[in-house]
Amino acid sequence: MKVAIIGAGAMGRWFADFAKKNLGEVVVADINTATANKVASELGITAKPVEGAVVEAEIILVCVPISKTPEVVKSVAERAQKGALVADAASVKSEAVETMQNLKVDVELVSIHPLFGPGVREIRGKDFVVVPVKPGKRYAKLKGLLTELGASVTEMDAEKHDRVMAVIQCMTHFILLAYLHSLKSLKGFKFARKLRTPMFARLMELAKSVLAGNPELYGELQVHNRYARMVRSCLLEACRSLDVAFSAGNSKSAKVIFRGALLPFGTDEIKRAYEELYKQFEGGTT
């Protein structure tokens, strides 16, 4: 099977490597030809201009920034051969899916979101969310391969995807970015790094891992997911409410939060999380 990866960034490179190992002949294309050539050389695949890569491919995966995804999807879908599968891997789906729905082309169209970054070494146990716009036999084959390799594929519509990702991604990233931004202005941070509690150590590791990612992606997630502002507002209101309570000397606010937060989790799950915290703190393996 011939596969074209459009976009040779970190995630495009990951998918190119995955496609080479599991799907067949792979071509990579990027607006920056030097980047495409470098990735192609490292992976032992071919680099071509977008037009040349698209016209021969049976599967086309668009791995470009969120803001560019709709226009690139439209461009490649209009050039693709009849029956080809055209997909994107953007983390926000509404605009890309709307573009797909308005296309008058004879190709399969799905929007795929891998819930991991390019640091993943295998997909067993990993999650993919898919918005099937116009699925067909090629998508069915790809879905079957992902499942066979141990991944979980969950299908949903674009609105539900973006609502869920506003919590899973936008809120999580916002918390960590705000934490990092706050630490910068605190005078005791340098000394604090010499001391550790299990929770501080774990949170610092999470915060540092954010810095290994793509800042443009984190920014685009907040801007292009229409539900991101809603979850940020919810988080900020919770912070404000807690600050008011603690500033007024109401220490029982923590107990109220505990009662409400315990409901979705069982006692065993909470116990496992606590044990895992200390296992990592003491250098154990997971």
C-alpha atoms as a PDB file:
ATOM      1  CA  MET A   1       0.000   0.000   0.000  1.00  0.00           C
ATOM      2  CA  LYS A   2       1.290   3.483  -0.866  1.00  0.00           C
ATOM      3  CA  VAL A   3       1.148   6.041   1.925  1.00  0.00           C
ATOM      4  CA  ALA A   4       1.807   9.782   1.787  1.00  0.00           C
ATOM      5  CA  ILE A   5       2.571  11.724   4.963  1.00  0.00           C
ATOM      6  CA  ILE A   6       2.018  15.443   4.470  1.00  0.00           C
ATOM      7  CA  GLY A   7       4.031  17.315   7.064  1.00  0.00           C
ATOM      8  CA  ALA A   8       7.466  16.228   8.252  1.00  0.00           C
ATOM      9  CA  GLY A   9       7.353  17.575  11.799  1.00  0.00           C
ATOM     10  CA  ALA A  10       7.777  15.372  14.854  1.00  0.00           C
ATOM     11  CA  MET A  11       4.361  13.707  14.544  1.00  0.00           C
ATOM     12  CA  GLY A  12       4.634  13.394  10.772  1.00  0.00           C
ATOM     13  CA  ARG A  13       7.955  11.658  11.233  1.00  0.00           C
ATOM     14  CA  TRP A  14       6.400   9.293  13.776  1.00  0.00           C
ATOM     15  CA  PHE A  15       3.595   8.360  11.394  1.00  0.00           C
ATOM     16  CA  ALA A  16       6.021   7.944   8.491  1.00  0.00           C
ATOM     17  CA  ASP A  17       8.050   5.485  10.557  1.00  0.00           C
ATOM     18  CA  PHE A  18       4.875   3.679  11.663  1.00  0.00           C
ATOM     19  CA  ALA A  19       3.592   3.460   8.073  1.00  0.00           C
ATOM     20  CA  LYS A  20       6.898   2.110   6.814  1.00  0.00           C
ATOM     21  CA  LYS A  21       6.843  -0.675   9.397  1.00  0.00           C
ATOM     22  CA  ASN A  22       3.170  -1.572   9.062  1.00  0.00           C
ATOM     23  CA  LEU A  23       1.603  -0.346   5.810  1.00  0.00           C
ATOM     24  CA  GLY A  24       4.050  -0.387   2.917  1.00  0.00           C
ATOM     25  CA  GLU A  25       5.697   2.187   0.656  1.00  0.00           C
ATOM     26  CA  VAL A  26       5.909   5.640   2.255  1.00  0.00           C
ATOM     27  CA  VAL A  27       6.453   9.108   0.807  1.00  0.00           C
ATOM     28  CA  VAL A  28       6.851  12.219   2.959  1.00  0.00           C
ATOM     29  CA  ALA A  29       6.207  15.784   1.827  1.00  0.00           C
ATOM     30  CA  ASP A  30       6.608  19.122   3.551  1.00  0.00           C
ATOM     31  CA  ILE A  31       6.515  22.787   2.626  1.00  0.00           C
ATOM     32  CA  ASN A  32      10.109  22.794   3.862  1.00  0.00           C
ATOM     33  CA  THR A  33      11.827  20.452   1.407  1.00  0.00           C
ATOM     34  CA  ALA A  34      14.991  20.295   3.516  1.00  0.00           C
ATOM     35  CA  THR A  35      12.981  18.947   6.455  1.00  0.00           C
ATOM     36  CA  ALA A  36      11.235  16.377   4.261  1.00  0.00           C
ATOM     37  CA  ASN A  37      14.553  15.253   2.757  1.00  0.00           C
ATOM     38  CA  LYS A  38      16.114  14.919   6.212  1.00  0.00           C
ATOM     39  CA  VAL A  39      13.254  12.769   7.523  1.00  0.00           C
ATOM     40  CA  ALA A  40      13.252  10.660   4.369  1.00  0.00           C
ATOM     41  CA  SER A  41      16.986  10.057   4.666  1.00  0.00           C
ATOM     42  CA  GLU A  42      16.751   9.109   8.348  1.00  0.00           C
ATOM     43  CA  LEU A  43      13.874   6.679   7.778  1.00  0.00           C
ATOM     44  CA  GLY A  44      14.957   5.264   4.427  1.00  0.00           C
ATOM     45  CA  ILE A  45      11.860   6.475   2.599  1.00  0.00           C
ATOM     46  CA  THR A  46      11.193   8.890  -0.279  1.00  0.00           C
ATOM     47  CA  ALA A  47      10.576  12.632  -0.152  1.00  0.00           C
ATOM     48  CA  LYS A  48       8.518  14.323  -2.860  1.00  0.00           C
ATOM     49  CA  PRO A  49       6.664  17.585  -3.413  1.00  0.00           C
ATOM     50  CA  VAL A  50       3.104  17.471  -2.047  1.00  0.00           C
ATOM     51  CA  GLU A  51       1.513  17.127  -5.497  1.00  0.00           C
ATOM     52  CA  GLY A  52       3.687  14.166  -6.443  1.00  0.00           C
ATOM     53  CA  ALA A  53       3.210  12.456  -3.078  1.00  0.00           C
ATOM     54  CA  VAL A  54      -0.567  12.808  -3.103  1.00  0.00           C
ATOM     55  CA  VAL A  55      -1.415  11.693  -6.622  1.00  0.00           C
ATOM     56  CA  GLU A  56       0.001   8.169  -6.199  1.00  0.00           C
ATOM     57  CA  ALA A  57      -1.034   7.492  -2.597  1.00  0.00           C
ATOM     58  CA  GLU A  58      -3.765   5.149  -1.382  1.00  0.00           C
ATOM     59  CA  ILE A  59      -3.600   6.613   2.121  1.00  0.00           C
ATOM     60  CA  ILE A  60      -2.832  10.299   2.731  1.00  0.00           C
ATOM     61  CA  LEU A  61      -2.295  11.539   6.273  1.00  0.00           C
ATOM     62  CA  VAL A  62      -2.082  15.286   6.908  1.00  0.00           C
ATOM     63  CA  CYS A  63       0.192  16.123   9.871  1.00  0.00           C
ATOM     64  CA  VAL A  64       0.426  19.913   9.824  1.00  0.00           C
ATOM     65  CA  PRO A  65      -0.373  22.617  12.431  1.00  0.00           C
ATOM     66  CA  ILE A  66      -4.008  22.838  13.520  1.00  0.00           C
ATOM     67  CA  SER A  67      -4.481  26.225  11.847  1.00  0.00           C
ATOM     68  CA  LYS A  68      -3.271  24.865   8.493  1.00  0.00           C
ATOM     69  CA  THR A  69      -5.085  21.520   8.576  1.00  0.00           C
ATOM     70  CA  PRO A  70      -8.401  22.477   6.881  1.00  0.00           C
ATOM     71  CA  GLU A  71      -6.773  24.099   3.841  1.00  0.00           C
ATOM     72  CA  VAL A  72      -4.228  21.286   3.424  1.00  0.00           C
ATOM     73  CA  VAL A  73      -6.926  18.613   3.743  1.00  0.00           C
ATOM     74  CA  LYS A  74      -8.959  20.352   1.034  1.00  0.00           C
ATOM     75  CA  SER A  75      -5.945  20.702  -1.235  1.00  0.00           C
ATOM     76  CA  VAL A  76      -4.789  17.087  -0.999  1.00  0.00           C
ATOM     77  CA  ALA A  77      -8.311  15.615  -1.163  1.00  0.00           C
ATOM     78  CA  GLU A  78      -8.930  17.416  -4.454  1.00  0.00           C
ATOM     79  CA  ARG A  79      -5.704  15.964  -5.871  1.00  0.00           C
ATOM     80  CA  ALA A  80      -6.056  12.429  -4.471  1.00  0.00           C
ATOM     81  CA  GLN A  81      -6.862   9.429  -6.636  1.00  0.00           C
ATOM     82  CA  LYS A  82     -10.361   7.980  -6.578  1.00  0.00           C
ATOM     83  CA  GLY A  83     -10.999   5.846  -3.496  1.00  0.00           C
ATOM     84  CA  ALA A  84      -7.939   7.023  -1.572  1.00  0.00           C
ATOM     85  CA  LEU A  85      -8.191   7.539   2.180  1.00  0.00           C
ATOM     86  CA  VAL A  86      -7.532  11.134   3.217  1.00  0.00           C
ATOM     87  CA  ALA A  87      -7.106  11.746   6.944  1.00  0.00           C
ATOM     88  CA  ASP A  88      -5.685  14.354   9.278  1.00  0.00           C
ATOM     89  CA  ALA A  89      -4.040  13.980  12.675  1.00  0.00           C
ATOM     90  CA  ALA A  90      -4.929  17.352  14.198  1.00  0.00           C
ATOM     91  CA  SER A  91      -5.816  17.662  17.885  1.00  0.00           C
ATOM     92  CA  VAL A  92      -8.857  19.864  17.176  1.00  0.00           C
ATOM     93  CA  LYS A  93     -11.531  18.472  14.863  1.00  0.00           C
ATOM     94  CA  SER A  94     -14.393  20.914  14.250  1.00  0.00           C
ATOM     95  CA  GLU A  95     -12.842  22.957  11.438  1.00  0.00           C
ATOM     96  CA  ALA A  96     -11.106  20.035   9.732  1.00  0.00           C
ATOM     97  CA  VAL A  97     -14.257  17.895   9.797  1.00  0.00           C
ATOM     98  CA  GLU A  98     -16.418  20.750   8.532  1.00  0.00           C
ATOM     99  CA  THR A  99     -14.018  21.111   5.601  1.00  0.00           C
ATOM    100  CA  MET A 100     -14.240  17.381   4.888  1.00  0.00           C
ATOM    101  CA  GLN A 101     -18.040  17.451   5.001  1.00  0.00           C
ATOM    102  CA  ASN A 102     -18.140  20.175   2.344  1.00  0.00           C
ATOM    103  CA  LEU A 103     -15.808  18.419  -0.087  1.00  0.00           C
ATOM    104  CA  LYS A 104     -17.253  16.980  -3.319  1.00  0.00           C
ATOM    105  CA  VAL A 105     -14.603  14.344  -3.967  1.00  0.00           C
ATOM    106  CA  ASP A 106     -14.631  10.580  -4.449  1.00  0.00           C
ATOM    107  CA  VAL A 107     -12.297   9.677  -1.587  1.00  0.00           C
ATOM    108  CA  GLU A 108     -12.620   8.288   1.935  1.00  0.00           C
ATOM    109  CA  LEU A 109     -12.442  10.962   4.631  1.00  0.00           C
ATOM    110  CA  VAL A 110     -11.721  10.461   8.331  1.00  0.00           C
ATOM    111  CA  SER A 111     -10.203  12.636  11.033  1.00  0.00           C
ATOM    112  CA  ILE A 112      -7.796  10.818  13.343  1.00  0.00           C
ATOM    113  CA  HIS A 113      -6.401  11.935  16.700  1.00  0.00           C
ATOM    114  CA  PRO A 114      -3.646   9.878  18.330  1.00  0.00           C
ATOM    115  CA  LEU A 115      -3.784  10.639  22.045  1.00  0.00           C
ATOM    116  CA  PHE A 116      -0.014  10.653  22.416  1.00  0.00           C
ATOM    117  CA  GLY A 117       3.025  12.475  21.125  1.00  0.00           C
ATOM    118  CA  PRO A 118       6.017  11.387  19.054  1.00  0.00           C
ATOM    119  CA  GLY A 119       7.781   9.990  22.114  1.00  0.00           C
ATOM    120  CA  VAL A 120       5.662   6.838  21.938  1.00  0.00           C
ATOM    121  CA  ARG A 121       7.619   3.748  20.865  1.00  0.00           C
ATOM    122  CA  GLU A 122       4.690   1.402  20.270  1.00  0.00           C
ATOM    123  CA  ILE A 123       0.929   1.804  20.026  1.00  0.00           C
ATOM    124  CA  ARG A 124      -0.114  -1.142  22.172  1.00  0.00           C
ATOM    125  CA  GLY A 125      -2.347   0.204  24.899  1.00  0.00           C
ATOM    126  CA  LYS A 126      -2.580   3.655  23.272  1.00  0.00           C
ATOM    127  CA  ASP A 127      -5.770   5.500  22.321  1.00  0.00           C
ATOM    128  CA  PHE A 128      -6.898   6.840  18.952  1.00  0.00           C
ATOM    129  CA  VAL A 129     -10.045   8.912  18.539  1.00  0.00           C
ATOM    130  CA  VAL A 130     -11.539   8.947  15.046  1.00  0.00           C
ATOM    131  CA  VAL A 131     -14.240  11.092  13.474  1.00  0.00           C
ATOM    132  CA  PRO A 132     -15.474   9.018  10.494  1.00  0.00           C
ATOM    133  CA  VAL A 133     -16.719  11.522   7.901  1.00  0.00           C
ATOM    134  CA  LYS A 134     -16.805   9.281   4.832  1.00  0.00           C
ATOM    135  CA  PRO A 135     -15.216   5.960   5.813  1.00  0.00           C
ATOM    136  CA  GLY A 136     -14.665   3.025   3.479  1.00  0.00           C
ATOM    137  CA  LYS A 137     -12.637  -0.130   3.003  1.00  0.00           C
ATOM    138  CA  ARG A 138      -9.251   1.553   3.416  1.00  0.00           C
ATOM    139  CA  TYR A 139     -10.254   3.092   6.721  1.00  0.00           C
ATOM    140  CA  ALA A 140     -11.641  -0.269   7.827  1.00  0.00           C
ATOM    141  CA  LYS A 141      -8.284  -1.860   7.023  1.00  0.00           C
ATOM    142  CA  LEU A 142      -6.362   0.834   8.912  1.00  0.00           C
ATOM    143  CA  LYS A 143      -8.665   0.560  11.910  1.00  0.00           C
ATOM    144  CA  GLY A 144      -8.246  -3.202  11.879  1.00  0.00           C
ATOM    145  CA  LEU A 145      -4.456  -2.839  11.847  1.00  0.00           C
ATOM    146  CA  LEU A 146      -4.457  -0.430  14.805  1.00  0.00           C
ATOM    147  CA  THR A 147      -6.687  -2.757  16.773  1.00  0.00           C
ATOM    148  CA  GLU A 148      -4.569  -5.781  15.863  1.00  0.00           C
ATOM    149  CA  LEU A 149      -1.490  -3.948  17.137  1.00  0.00           C
ATOM    150  CA  GLY A 150      -3.180  -3.418  20.490  1.00  0.00           C
ATOM    151  CA  ALA A 151      -4.426   0.161  20.170  1.00  0.00           C
ATOM    152  CA  SER A 152      -7.903   1.292  21.172  1.00  0.00           C
ATOM    153  CA  VAL A 153      -9.927   3.102  18.484  1.00  0.00           C
ATOM    154  CA  THR A 154     -12.887   5.172  19.668  1.00  0.00           C
ATOM    155  CA  GLU A 155     -15.192   6.806  17.137  1.00  0.00           C
ATOM    156  CA  MET A 156     -17.194   9.973  17.881  1.00  0.00           C
ATOM    157  CA  ASP A 157     -18.353  13.162  16.209  1.00  0.00           C
ATOM    158  CA  ALA A 158     -16.236  16.315  16.011  1.00  0.00           C
ATOM    159  CA  GLU A 159     -18.148  18.299  18.623  1.00  0.00           C
ATOM    160  CA  LYS A 160     -17.896  15.563  21.233  1.00  0.00           C
ATOM    161  CA  HIS A 161     -14.202  15.120  20.434  1.00  0.00           C
ATOM    162  CA  ASP A 162     -13.448  18.798  20.993  1.00  0.00           C
ATOM    163  CA  ARG A 163     -15.512  18.940  24.189  1.00  0.00           C
ATOM    164  CA  VAL A 164     -13.655  15.950  25.618  1.00  0.00           C
ATOM    165  CA  MET A 165     -10.234  17.210  24.495  1.00  0.00           C
ATOM    166  CA  ALA A 166     -10.914  20.588  26.085  1.00  0.00           C
ATOM    167  CA  VAL A 167     -10.757  18.724  29.405  1.00  0.00           C
ATOM    168  CA  ILE A 168      -8.134  16.102  28.565  1.00  0.00           C
ATOM    169  CA  GLN A 169      -5.709  18.404  26.738  1.00  0.00           C
ATOM    170  CA  CYS A 170      -6.582  22.090  27.084  1.00  0.00           C
ATOM    171  CA  MET A 171      -7.234  22.095  30.824  1.00  0.00           C
ATOM    172  CA  THR A 172      -4.276  19.825  31.579  1.00  0.00           C
ATOM    173  CA  HIS A 173      -1.854  21.893  29.499  1.00  0.00           C
ATOM    174  CA  PHE A 174      -3.206  25.148  30.913  1.00  0.00           C
ATOM    175  CA  ILE A 175      -2.614  23.953  34.482  1.00  0.00           C
ATOM    176  CA  LEU A 176       0.973  22.936  33.735  1.00  0.00           C
ATOM    177  CA  LEU A 177       1.763  26.074  31.738  1.00  0.00           C
ATOM    178  CA  ALA A 178       0.325  28.248  34.518  1.00  0.00           C
ATOM    179  CA  TYR A 179       2.355  26.282  37.084  1.00  0.00           C
ATOM    180  CA  LEU A 180       5.567  26.838  35.134  1.00  0.00           C
ATOM    181  CA  HIS A 181       4.755  30.518  34.637  1.00  0.00           C
ATOM    182  CA  SER A 182       4.074  30.947  38.361  1.00  0.00           C
ATOM    183  CA  LEU A 183       7.297  29.228  39.423  1.00  0.00           C
ATOM    184  CA  LYS A 184       9.296  31.698  37.371  1.00  0.00           C
ATOM    185  CA  SER A 185       8.172  34.589  39.563  1.00  0.00           C
ATOM    186  CA  LEU A 186       8.650  32.874  42.938  1.00  0.00           C
ATOM    187  CA  LYS A 187      11.931  33.718  44.669  1.00  0.00           C
ATOM    188  CA  GLY A 188      12.088  30.483  46.636  1.00  0.00           C
ATOM    189  CA  PHE A 189      11.971  28.234  43.587  1.00  0.00           C
ATOM    190  CA  LYS A 190      15.735  27.637  43.305  1.00  0.00           C
ATOM    191  CA  PHE A 191      15.950  26.524  46.908  1.00  0.00           C
ATOM    192  CA  ALA A 192      12.728  24.546  46.637  1.00  0.00           C
ATOM    193  CA  ARG A 193      14.265  22.407  43.897  1.00  0.00           C
ATOM    194  CA  LYS A 194      16.737  21.063  46.439  1.00  0.00           C
ATOM    195  CA  LEU A 195      13.881  19.661  48.545  1.00  0.00           C
ATOM    196  CA  ARG A 196      11.178  17.261  47.471  1.00  0.00           C
ATOM    197  CA  THR A 197       7.875  15.847  48.500  1.00  0.00           C
ATOM    198  CA  PRO A 198       6.395  13.046  46.390  1.00  0.00           C
ATOM    199  CA  MET A 199       3.697  15.273  44.897  1.00  0.00           C
ATOM    200  CA  PHE A 200       6.033  18.182  44.183  1.00  0.00           C
ATOM    201  CA  ALA A 201       8.504  15.824  42.523  1.00  0.00           C
ATOM    202  CA  ARG A 202       5.806  14.258  40.323  1.00  0.00           C
ATOM    203  CA  LEU A 203       4.317  17.600  39.336  1.00  0.00           C
ATOM    204  CA  MET A 204       7.736  18.998  38.479  1.00  0.00           C
ATOM    205  CA  GLU A 205       8.418  16.039  36.202  1.00  0.00           C
ATOM    206  CA  LEU A 206       5.107  16.605  34.417  1.00  0.00           C
ATOM    207  CA  ALA A 207       5.825  20.312  34.069  1.00  0.00           C
ATOM    208  CA  LYS A 208       9.297  19.664  32.668  1.00  0.00           C
ATOM    209  CA  SER A 209       7.889  17.194  30.151  1.00  0.00           C
ATOM    210  CA  VAL A 210       5.678  19.971  28.759  1.00  0.00           C
ATOM    211  CA  LEU A 211       8.831  21.901  27.863  1.00  0.00           C
ATOM    212  CA  ALA A 212       9.939  19.030  25.630  1.00  0.00           C
ATOM    213  CA  GLY A 213       6.821  19.546  23.514  1.00  0.00           C
ATOM    214  CA  ASN A 214       5.834  22.019  20.831  1.00  0.00           C
ATOM    215  CA  PRO A 215       4.832  25.437  22.228  1.00  0.00           C
ATOM    216  CA  GLU A 216       3.009  26.327  19.008  1.00  0.00           C
ATOM    217  CA  LEU A 217       0.821  23.240  19.422  1.00  0.00           C
ATOM    218  CA  TYR A 218      -0.031  24.112  23.028  1.00  0.00           C
ATOM    219  CA  GLY A 219      -1.009  27.614  21.916  1.00  0.00           C
ATOM    220  CA  GLU A 220      -3.104  26.434  18.977  1.00  0.00           C
ATOM    221  CA  LEU A 221      -4.988  23.956  21.148  1.00  0.00           C
ATOM    222  CA  GLN A 222      -6.113  26.790  23.419  1.00  0.00           C
ATOM    223  CA  VAL A 223      -7.043  29.067  20.511  1.00  0.00           C
ATOM    224  CA  HIS A 224      -8.728  26.662  18.077  1.00  0.00           C
ATOM    225  CA  ASN A 225     -10.668  24.401  20.435  1.00  0.00           C
ATOM    226  CA  ARG A 226     -13.909  26.354  20.890  1.00  0.00           C
ATOM    227  CA  TYR A 227     -14.480  24.757  24.305  1.00  0.00           C
ATOM    228  CA  ALA A 228     -11.033  25.591  25.716  1.00  0.00           C
ATOM    229  CA  ARG A 229     -12.090  28.955  27.136  1.00  0.00           C
ATOM    230  CA  MET A 230     -15.007  27.322  28.939  1.00  0.00           C
ATOM    231  CA  VAL A 231     -12.762  24.856  30.796  1.00  0.00           C
ATOM    232  CA  ARG A 232     -10.211  27.577  31.543  1.00  0.00           C
ATOM    233  CA  SER A 233     -12.996  29.721  33.018  1.00  0.00           C
ATOM    234  CA  CYS A 234     -14.170  26.792  35.132  1.00  0.00           C
ATOM    235  CA  LEU A 235     -10.644  26.223  36.422  1.00  0.00           C
ATOM    236  CA  LEU A 236     -10.046  29.911  37.169  1.00  0.00           C
ATOM    237  CA  GLU A 237     -13.369  30.175  39.020  1.00  0.00           C
ATOM    238  CA  ALA A 238     -12.435  27.137  41.129  1.00  0.00           C
ATOM    239  CA  CYS A 239      -9.079  28.780  41.949  1.00  0.00           C
ATOM    240  CA  ARG A 240     -10.773  32.059  42.828  1.00  0.00           C
ATOM    241  CA  SER A 241     -13.344  30.327  45.038  1.00  0.00           C
ATOM    242  CA  LEU A 242     -10.672  28.383  46.916  1.00  0.00           C
ATOM    243  CA  ASP A 243      -8.522  31.469  47.352  1.00  0.00           C
ATOM    244  CA  VAL A 244     -11.457  33.387  48.833  1.00  0.00           C
ATOM    245  CA  ALA A 245     -12.237  30.533  51.219  1.00  0.00           C
ATOM    246  CA  PHE A 246      -8.665  30.017  52.408  1.00  0.00           C
ATOM    247  CA  SER A 247      -8.017  33.764  52.682  1.00  0.00           C
ATOM    248  CA  ALA A 248     -11.068  33.968  54.952  1.00  0.00           C
ATOM    249  CA  GLY A 249      -9.597  31.250  57.179  1.00  0.00           C
ATOM    250  CA  ASN A 250     -11.939  28.503  55.999  1.00  0.00           C
ATOM    251  CA  SER A 251      -9.680  25.445  56.117  1.00  0.00           C
ATOM    252  CA  LYS A 252     -12.667  23.136  55.773  1.00  0.00           C
ATOM    253  CA  SER A 253     -12.895  23.946  52.041  1.00  0.00           C
ATOM    254  CA  ALA A 254     -10.329  21.235  51.366  1.00  0.00           C
ATOM    255  CA  LYS A 255     -12.540  18.688  53.107  1.00  0.00           C
ATOM    256  CA  VAL A 256     -15.512  19.717  50.962  1.00  0.00           C
ATOM    257  CA  ILE A 257     -13.439  19.245  47.803  1.00  0.00           C
ATOM    258  CA  PHE A 258     -12.259  15.848  48.977  1.00  0.00           C
ATOM    259  CA  ARG A 259     -15.841  14.681  49.472  1.00  0.00           C
ATOM    260  CA  GLY A 260     -16.886  15.712  45.983  1.00  0.00           C
ATOM    261  CA  ALA A 261     -13.703  14.511  44.264  1.00  0.00           C
ATOM    262  CA  LEU A 262     -13.845  11.062  45.835  1.00  0.00           C
ATOM    263  CA  LEU A 263     -17.157  10.219  44.149  1.00  0.00           C
ATOM    264  CA  PRO A 264     -15.885   9.261  40.649  1.00  0.00           C
ATOM    265  CA  PHE A 265     -13.138   7.041  42.064  1.00  0.00           C
ATOM    266  CA  GLY A 266     -13.224   3.905  44.148  1.00  0.00           C
ATOM    267  CA  THR A 267     -11.155   3.428  47.273  1.00  0.00           C
ATOM    268  CA  ASP A 268      -8.972   0.834  45.533  1.00  0.00           C
ATOM    269  CA  GLU A 269      -8.207   3.206  42.654  1.00  0.00           C
ATOM    270  CA  ILE A 270      -7.172   5.962  45.042  1.00  0.00           C
ATOM    271  CA  LYS A 271      -4.994   3.547  47.011  1.00  0.00           C
ATOM    272  CA  ARG A 272      -3.258   2.374  43.817  1.00  0.00           C
ATOM    273  CA  ALA A 273      -2.568   5.966  42.770  1.00  0.00           C
ATOM    274  CA  TYR A 274      -1.021   6.726  46.160  1.00  0.00           C
ATOM    275  CA  GLU A 275       1.150   3.620  46.047  1.00  0.00           C
ATOM    276  CA  GLU A 276       2.259   4.455  42.512  1.00  0.00           C
ATOM    277  CA  LEU A 277       3.198   7.967  43.627  1.00  0.00           C
ATOM    278  CA  TYR A 278       5.566   6.594  46.247  1.00  0.00           C
ATOM    279  CA  LYS A 279       6.904   3.867  43.970  1.00  0.00           C
ATOM    280  CA  GLN A 280       8.050   6.490  41.486  1.00  0.00           C
ATOM    281  CA  PHE A 281       9.285   8.793  44.255  1.00  0.00           C
ATOM    282  CA  GLU A 282      11.517   6.033  45.605  1.00  0.00           C
ATOM    283  CA  GLY A 283      12.839   5.177  42.152  1.00  0.00           C
ATOM    284  CA  GLY A 284      10.796   2.050  41.529  1.00  0.00           C
ATOM    285  CA  THR A 285       9.749   0.952  38.079  1.00  0.00           C
ATOM    286  CA  THR A 286       6.178   0.937  36.846  1.00  0.00           C
END
